[in-house]
Amino acid sequence: MSVMGATGNCLCGAVRLQAESMSKHVGACHCSMCRKWTGGPLMAVDCGTEVKFSGEENISTYSSSDWAERGFCARCGSHLFYRLKQNGQYIIPAGLFDTAEALNFDHQIFIDEKPEYYAFANETKNMTGEEVFASFSND
């Protein structure tokens, strides 16, 4: 299921985005890189490859691994996306979107890297890092 034409922006408004199709499924990533990047788990949605940005001159990217890069607003520092290099797929923080009523938090990845000091009450599908990488190789 997806939300069509979802829009959002960074904290200062210098960057706006429009996702042609945004998943209704919010996931939490507990990997050490996401936790360093966000200060906690990354709560994000899959937006596929069709994402348009305005204010692109304010977007900076960081190549965080061989397979992905992370984008952020150079003005306010808002995290804008995690993008897979292989296919250009955007994973976007759920909090950037103007509307969140239709979203459902239903999965967690890299659950084996989640620190003990927090836990979510939602019942979710949980995947270890090994299971996540195995799912990519099955695509």
N, C-alpha and C. Protein backbone atom coordinates (compact mmCIF):
# COMPACT_ATOMS: atom_id res chain seq x y z
N MET A 1 0.83 -1.18 0.00
CA MET A 1 0.00 0.00 0.00
C MET A 1 0.88 1.24 0.00
N SER A 2 0.42 2.27 -0.65
CA SER A 2 1.21 3.49 -0.69
C SER A 2 0.31 4.72 -0.71
N VAL A 3 0.94 5.85 -0.35
CA VAL A 3 0.29 7.15 -0.40
C VAL A 3 0.81 7.83 -1.66
N MET A 4 -0.05 8.32 -2.50
CA MET A 4 0.37 8.94 -3.76
C MET A 4 0.63 10.43 -3.56
N GLY A 5 1.74 10.92 -4.12
CA GLY A 5 2.03 12.34 -4.10
C GLY A 5 2.28 12.93 -2.73
N ALA A 6 2.96 12.20 -1.84
CA ALA A 6 3.25 12.69 -0.49
C ALA A 6 4.28 13.82 -0.56
N THR A 7 4.06 14.87 0.22
CA THR A 7 4.96 16.03 0.23
C THR A 7 5.51 16.26 1.63
N GLY A 8 6.65 16.95 1.67
CA GLY A 8 7.25 17.26 2.95
C GLY A 8 8.39 18.25 2.79
N ASN A 9 9.04 18.57 3.88
CA ASN A 9 10.14 19.52 3.84
C ASN A 9 11.05 19.35 5.05
N CYS A 10 12.22 19.99 4.96
CA CYS A 10 13.16 19.98 6.07
C CYS A 10 12.69 20.98 7.13
N LEU A 11 13.40 21.06 8.23
CA LEU A 11 13.04 21.93 9.33
C LEU A 11 12.95 23.40 8.94
N CYS A 12 13.92 23.89 8.14
CA CYS A 12 13.93 25.31 7.78
C CYS A 12 13.12 25.62 6.53
N GLY A 13 12.70 24.59 5.79
CA GLY A 13 11.90 24.78 4.58
C GLY A 13 12.71 25.04 3.32
N ALA A 14 14.03 25.05 3.42
CA ALA A 14 14.87 25.29 2.24
C ALA A 14 14.79 24.16 1.23
N VAL A 15 14.48 22.95 1.69
CA VAL A 15 14.33 21.78 0.81
C VAL A 15 12.92 21.25 0.97
N ARG A 16 12.23 21.10 -0.16
CA ARG A 16 10.91 20.47 -0.19
C ARG A 16 11.02 19.22 -1.03
N LEU A 17 10.18 18.25 -0.73
CA LEU A 17 10.21 17.01 -1.51
C LEU A 17 8.81 16.55 -1.84
N GLN A 18 8.73 15.80 -2.93
CA GLN A 18 7.49 15.15 -3.32
C GLN A 18 7.82 13.74 -3.75
N ALA A 19 7.23 12.78 -3.06
CA ALA A 19 7.39 11.37 -3.39
C ALA A 19 6.17 10.95 -4.19
N GLU A 20 6.40 10.46 -5.38
CA GLU A 20 5.27 10.01 -6.21
C GLU A 20 4.49 8.91 -5.52
N SER A 21 5.20 8.07 -4.77
CA SER A 21 4.56 6.98 -4.05
C SER A 21 5.33 6.73 -2.76
N MET A 22 4.65 6.84 -1.64
CA MET A 22 5.26 6.62 -0.33
C MET A 22 4.57 5.44 0.33
N SER A 23 5.36 4.48 0.79
CA SER A 23 4.80 3.34 1.50
C SER A 23 4.06 3.82 2.75
N LYS A 24 3.05 3.08 3.14
CA LYS A 24 2.34 3.38 4.39
C LYS A 24 3.01 2.70 5.58
N HIS A 25 4.06 1.92 5.31
CA HIS A 25 4.73 1.13 6.33
C HIS A 25 5.99 1.83 6.83
N VAL A 26 5.96 2.26 8.08
CA VAL A 26 7.12 2.90 8.71
C VAL A 26 7.97 1.82 9.34
N GLY A 27 9.28 1.95 9.14
CA GLY A 27 10.21 1.02 9.76
C GLY A 27 11.23 1.76 10.60
N ALA A 28 11.77 1.06 11.57
CA ALA A 28 12.84 1.61 12.39
C ALA A 28 14.12 0.84 12.08
N CYS A 29 15.19 1.58 11.79
CA CYS A 29 16.49 0.95 11.58
C CYS A 29 17.35 1.22 12.81
N HIS A 30 17.88 0.16 13.37
CA HIS A 30 18.68 0.25 14.58
C HIS A 30 20.18 0.06 14.30
N CYS A 31 20.59 0.05 13.03
CA CYS A 31 22.01 -0.16 12.75
C CYS A 31 22.85 0.96 13.35
N SER A 32 24.10 0.68 13.60
CA SER A 32 24.96 1.66 14.26
C SER A 32 25.12 2.92 13.43
N MET A 33 25.13 2.81 12.08
CA MET A 33 25.26 4.03 11.25
C MET A 33 24.03 4.91 11.37
N CYS A 34 22.83 4.33 11.31
CA CYS A 34 21.61 5.14 11.44
C CYS A 34 21.53 5.79 12.83
N ARG A 35 21.93 5.04 13.86
CA ARG A 35 21.89 5.60 15.20
C ARG A 35 22.89 6.75 15.35
N LYS A 36 24.06 6.63 14.73
CA LYS A 36 25.03 7.74 14.76
C LYS A 36 24.48 8.94 13.99
N TRP A 37 23.82 8.68 12.85
CA TRP A 37 23.30 9.73 11.97
C TRP A 37 22.16 10.49 12.63
N THR A 38 21.27 9.77 13.31
CA THR A 38 20.05 10.40 13.83
C THR A 38 20.06 10.61 15.34
N GLY A 39 20.96 9.96 16.05
CA GLY A 39 20.96 10.05 17.50
C GLY A 39 20.01 9.04 18.13
N GLY A 40 19.43 8.19 17.34
CA GLY A 40 18.49 7.15 17.78
C GLY A 40 18.14 6.31 16.58
N PRO A 41 17.08 5.52 16.63
CA PRO A 41 16.71 4.74 15.45
C PRO A 41 16.18 5.65 14.35
N LEU A 42 16.42 5.27 13.11
CA LEU A 42 15.87 5.99 11.97
C LEU A 42 14.46 5.46 11.72
N MET A 43 13.46 6.34 11.83
CA MET A 43 12.07 6.00 11.56
C MET A 43 11.77 6.50 10.16
N ALA A 44 11.59 5.58 9.20
CA ALA A 44 11.54 5.99 7.80
C ALA A 44 10.56 5.16 6.99
N VAL A 45 10.27 5.67 5.78
CA VAL A 45 9.39 4.99 4.84
C VAL A 45 10.08 4.86 3.49
N ASP A 46 9.75 3.79 2.79
CA ASP A 46 10.27 3.55 1.45
C ASP A 46 9.48 4.41 0.48
N CYS A 47 10.18 5.22 -0.31
CA CYS A 47 9.52 6.09 -1.29
C CYS A 47 9.90 5.74 -2.72
N GLY A 48 10.51 4.60 -2.94
CA GLY A 48 10.86 4.19 -4.29
C GLY A 48 11.90 5.11 -4.91
N THR A 49 11.86 5.23 -6.22
CA THR A 49 12.86 6.01 -6.95
C THR A 49 12.34 7.33 -7.47
N GLU A 50 11.03 7.53 -7.42
CA GLU A 50 10.43 8.74 -7.99
C GLU A 50 10.21 9.80 -6.92
N VAL A 51 11.28 10.48 -6.54
CA VAL A 51 11.21 11.55 -5.54
C VAL A 51 11.81 12.81 -6.17
N LYS A 52 11.08 13.91 -6.06
CA LYS A 52 11.54 15.19 -6.61
C LYS A 52 11.82 16.14 -5.46
N PHE A 53 12.87 16.94 -5.63
CA PHE A 53 13.25 17.91 -4.60
C PHE A 53 13.27 19.31 -5.19
N SER A 54 12.85 20.29 -4.40
CA SER A 54 13.09 21.69 -4.75
C SER A 54 14.04 22.21 -3.67
N GLY A 55 14.88 23.16 -4.05
CA GLY A 55 15.92 23.62 -3.14
C GLY A 55 17.12 22.68 -3.14
N GLU A 56 17.33 22.01 -4.27
CA GLU A 56 18.41 21.02 -4.37
C GLU A 56 19.79 21.61 -4.05
N GLU A 57 19.94 22.91 -4.26
CA GLU A 57 21.24 23.54 -3.97
C GLU A 57 21.54 23.49 -2.46
N ASN A 58 20.54 23.19 -1.65
CA ASN A 58 20.72 23.09 -0.20
C ASN A 58 20.91 21.66 0.28
N ILE A 59 20.98 20.70 -0.65
CA ILE A 59 21.15 19.31 -0.27
C ILE A 59 22.62 18.93 -0.35
N SER A 60 23.11 18.37 0.73
CA SER A 60 24.46 17.79 0.77
C SER A 60 24.30 16.29 0.96
N THR A 61 25.23 15.53 0.40
CA THR A 61 25.16 14.08 0.54
C THR A 61 26.46 13.56 1.13
N TYR A 62 26.34 12.42 1.78
CA TYR A 62 27.47 11.73 2.36
C TYR A 62 27.39 10.27 1.96
N SER A 63 28.44 9.77 1.32
CA SER A 63 28.50 8.36 0.93
C SER A 63 28.88 7.56 2.17
N SER A 64 27.88 6.97 2.81
CA SER A 64 28.11 6.30 4.10
C SER A 64 28.54 4.85 3.97
N SER A 65 28.41 4.28 2.79
CA SER A 65 28.82 2.89 2.57
C SER A 65 28.96 2.66 1.07
N ASP A 66 29.37 1.46 0.71
CA ASP A 66 29.48 1.10 -0.71
C ASP A 66 28.12 1.05 -1.39
N TRP A 67 27.05 0.86 -0.60
CA TRP A 67 25.73 0.65 -1.18
C TRP A 67 24.75 1.81 -0.99
N ALA A 68 25.11 2.81 -0.17
CA ALA A 68 24.13 3.87 0.08
C ALA A 68 24.79 5.21 0.39
N GLU A 69 23.98 6.26 0.19
CA GLU A 69 24.40 7.61 0.58
C GLU A 69 23.26 8.24 1.36
N ARG A 70 23.61 9.23 2.19
CA ARG A 70 22.65 9.90 3.04
C ARG A 70 22.63 11.37 2.64
N GLY A 71 21.42 11.94 2.57
CA GLY A 71 21.26 13.34 2.21
C GLY A 71 20.75 14.13 3.38
N PHE A 72 21.20 15.39 3.46
CA PHE A 72 20.75 16.27 4.53
C PHE A 72 20.71 17.70 4.03
N CYS A 73 19.93 18.54 4.71
CA CYS A 73 19.84 19.96 4.36
C CYS A 73 21.10 20.65 4.88
N ALA A 74 21.80 21.33 3.99
CA ALA A 74 23.04 22.02 4.38
C ALA A 74 22.77 23.25 5.25
N ARG A 75 21.53 23.73 5.26
CA ARG A 75 21.19 24.90 6.09
C ARG A 75 20.82 24.51 7.51
N CYS A 76 19.86 23.59 7.67
CA CYS A 76 19.38 23.27 9.02
C CYS A 76 19.84 21.91 9.53
N GLY A 77 20.41 21.08 8.65
CA GLY A 77 20.91 19.78 9.07
C GLY A 77 19.89 18.66 9.08
N SER A 78 18.64 18.94 8.69
CA SER A 78 17.62 17.88 8.68
C SER A 78 18.06 16.71 7.81
N HIS A 79 17.81 15.51 8.30
CA HIS A 79 18.08 14.31 7.52
C HIS A 79 17.00 14.20 6.45
N LEU A 80 17.40 14.09 5.19
CA LEU A 80 16.44 14.09 4.09
C LEU A 80 16.19 12.71 3.49
N PHE A 81 17.24 11.91 3.37
CA PHE A 81 17.06 10.60 2.76
C PHE A 81 18.26 9.70 2.99
N TYR A 82 17.97 8.42 2.84
CA TYR A 82 18.94 7.35 2.73
C TYR A 82 18.65 6.79 1.34
N ARG A 83 19.65 6.81 0.44
CA ARG A 83 19.41 6.39 -0.95
C ARG A 83 20.34 5.25 -1.31
N LEU A 84 19.74 4.17 -1.82
CA LEU A 84 20.52 3.02 -2.28
C LEU A 84 21.18 3.37 -3.62
N LYS A 85 22.48 3.17 -3.71
CA LYS A 85 23.22 3.54 -4.91
C LYS A 85 22.86 2.66 -6.10
N GLN A 86 22.61 1.38 -5.86
CA GLN A 86 22.35 0.43 -6.94
C GLN A 86 21.12 0.77 -7.77
N ASN A 87 20.03 1.15 -7.10
CA ASN A 87 18.79 1.38 -7.84
C ASN A 87 18.17 2.76 -7.62
N GLY A 88 18.80 3.62 -6.80
CA GLY A 88 18.28 4.96 -6.58
C GLY A 88 17.05 5.03 -5.69
N GLN A 89 16.80 3.96 -4.92
CA GLN A 89 15.64 3.90 -4.03
C GLN A 89 15.85 4.82 -2.83
N TYR A 90 14.83 5.62 -2.53
CA TYR A 90 14.87 6.56 -1.41
C TYR A 90 14.14 6.00 -0.19
N ILE A 91 14.81 6.04 0.95
CA ILE A 91 14.20 5.75 2.24
C ILE A 91 14.21 7.11 2.96
N ILE A 92 13.03 7.62 3.30
CA ILE A 92 12.92 9.00 3.79
C ILE A 92 12.35 9.02 5.21
N PRO A 93 12.95 9.82 6.09
CA PRO A 93 12.43 9.92 7.46
C PRO A 93 10.94 10.28 7.48
N ALA A 94 10.18 9.52 8.23
CA ALA A 94 8.72 9.70 8.27
C ALA A 94 8.32 11.09 8.75
N GLY A 95 9.09 11.68 9.63
CA GLY A 95 8.76 12.98 10.20
C GLY A 95 8.84 14.14 9.24
N LEU A 96 9.42 13.96 8.06
CA LEU A 96 9.51 15.05 7.08
C LEU A 96 8.19 15.30 6.37
N PHE A 97 7.30 14.31 6.35
CA PHE A 97 6.10 14.41 5.54
C PHE A 97 5.02 15.25 6.22
N ASP A 98 4.27 15.97 5.39
CA ASP A 98 3.22 16.87 5.87
C ASP A 98 2.07 16.14 6.55
N THR A 99 1.83 14.93 6.14
CA THR A 99 0.74 14.16 6.72
C THR A 99 1.25 12.78 7.10
N ALA A 100 0.82 12.29 8.24
CA ALA A 100 1.28 10.99 8.70
C ALA A 100 0.13 10.12 9.18
N GLU A 101 -1.11 10.57 8.99
CA GLU A 101 -2.26 9.83 9.50
C GLU A 101 -2.35 8.41 8.97
N ALA A 102 -1.97 8.20 7.72
CA ALA A 102 -2.15 6.89 7.11
C ALA A 102 -0.98 5.94 7.38
N LEU A 103 0.05 6.40 8.09
CA LEU A 103 1.23 5.58 8.28
C LEU A 103 1.05 4.57 9.41
N ASN A 104 1.74 3.43 9.27
CA ASN A 104 1.67 2.35 10.25
C ASN A 104 3.09 1.84 10.53
N PHE A 105 3.53 1.96 11.77
CA PHE A 105 4.84 1.45 12.18
C PHE A 105 4.74 -0.06 12.35
N ASP A 106 5.39 -0.82 11.43
CA ASP A 106 5.18 -2.26 11.45
C ASP A 106 6.43 -3.12 11.29
N HIS A 107 7.61 -2.50 11.15
CA HIS A 107 8.81 -3.33 11.05
C HIS A 107 10.05 -2.63 11.61
N GLN A 108 10.99 -3.48 12.04
CA GLN A 108 12.27 -3.00 12.57
C GLN A 108 13.38 -3.83 11.94
N ILE A 109 14.45 -3.14 11.52
CA ILE A 109 15.58 -3.85 10.94
C ILE A 109 16.84 -3.60 11.77
N PHE A 110 17.79 -4.51 11.60
CA PHE A 110 19.01 -4.52 12.41
C PHE A 110 18.65 -4.57 13.90
N ILE A 111 17.62 -5.38 14.18
CA ILE A 111 17.14 -5.51 15.55
C ILE A 111 18.24 -6.06 16.46
N ASP A 112 19.18 -6.79 15.88
CA ASP A 112 20.29 -7.34 16.65
C ASP A 112 21.30 -6.27 17.09
N GLU A 113 21.18 -5.05 16.53
CA GLU A 113 22.06 -3.95 16.93
C GLU A 113 21.35 -2.94 17.84
N LYS A 114 20.06 -3.17 18.13
CA LYS A 114 19.29 -2.25 18.97
C LYS A 114 19.83 -2.27 20.40
N PRO A 115 20.14 -1.08 20.94
CA PRO A 115 20.58 -1.03 22.34
C PRO A 115 19.44 -1.43 23.28
N GLU A 116 19.79 -1.83 24.47
CA GLU A 116 18.80 -2.26 25.46
C GLU A 116 18.03 -1.10 26.07
N TYR A 117 18.50 0.12 25.96
CA TYR A 117 17.89 1.24 26.70
C TYR A 117 16.59 1.77 26.12
N TYR A 118 16.10 1.23 25.01
CA TYR A 118 14.79 1.62 24.51
C TYR A 118 14.10 0.43 23.87
N ALA A 119 12.78 0.51 23.78
CA ALA A 119 11.97 -0.52 23.13
C ALA A 119 10.66 0.14 22.69
N PHE A 120 10.10 -0.35 21.59
CA PHE A 120 8.82 0.15 21.10
C PHE A 120 7.70 -0.78 21.54
N ALA A 121 6.54 -0.22 21.80
CA ALA A 121 5.39 -1.01 22.24
C ALA A 121 4.71 -1.72 21.07
N ASN A 122 4.83 -1.18 19.86
CA ASN A 122 4.17 -1.77 18.70
C ASN A 122 4.66 -3.20 18.45
N GLU A 123 3.76 -4.05 18.02
CA GLU A 123 4.14 -5.38 17.58
C GLU A 123 4.60 -5.24 16.13
N THR A 124 5.83 -5.64 15.84
CA THR A 124 6.41 -5.44 14.51
C THR A 124 7.09 -6.69 14.01
N LYS A 125 7.32 -6.71 12.70
CA LYS A 125 8.19 -7.73 12.11
C LYS A 125 9.62 -7.26 12.38
N ASN A 126 10.45 -8.13 12.92
CA ASN A 126 11.83 -7.78 13.26
C ASN A 126 12.81 -8.59 12.44
N MET A 127 13.81 -7.90 11.88
CA MET A 127 14.83 -8.57 11.07
C MET A 127 16.22 -8.20 11.59
N THR A 128 17.10 -9.20 11.63
CA THR A 128 18.50 -8.95 11.99
C THR A 128 19.21 -8.35 10.78
N GLY A 129 20.41 -7.86 10.98
CA GLY A 129 21.21 -7.35 9.86
C GLY A 129 21.45 -8.42 8.81
N GLU A 130 21.72 -9.63 9.24
CA GLU A 130 21.96 -10.74 8.32
C GLU A 130 20.71 -11.00 7.46
N GLU A 131 19.55 -10.97 8.08
CA GLU A 131 18.29 -11.18 7.35
C GLU A 131 18.03 -10.04 6.36
N VAL A 132 18.37 -8.81 6.72
CA VAL A 132 18.20 -7.67 5.82
C VAL A 132 19.06 -7.85 4.58
N PHE A 133 20.34 -8.15 4.76
CA PHE A 133 21.23 -8.33 3.62
C PHE A 133 20.82 -9.52 2.77
N ALA A 134 20.32 -10.58 3.38
CA ALA A 134 19.84 -11.75 2.63
C ALA A 134 18.64 -11.36 1.78
N SER A 135 17.76 -10.49 2.29
CA SER A 135 16.59 -10.08 1.52
C SER A 135 17.00 -9.24 0.30
N PHE A 136 18.07 -8.46 0.42
CA PHE A 136 18.56 -7.68 -0.72
C PHE A 136 19.10 -8.62 -1.81
N SER A 137 19.75 -9.69 -1.42
CA SER A 137 20.32 -10.60 -2.41
C SER A 137 19.26 -11.43 -3.11
N ASN A 138 18.04 -11.48 -2.52
CA ASN A 138 16.94 -12.23 -3.13
C ASN A 138 16.12 -11.37 -4.10
N ASP A 139 16.39 -10.06 -4.18
CA ASP A 139 15.61 -9.16 -5.05
C ASP A 139 15.91 -9.40 -6.51
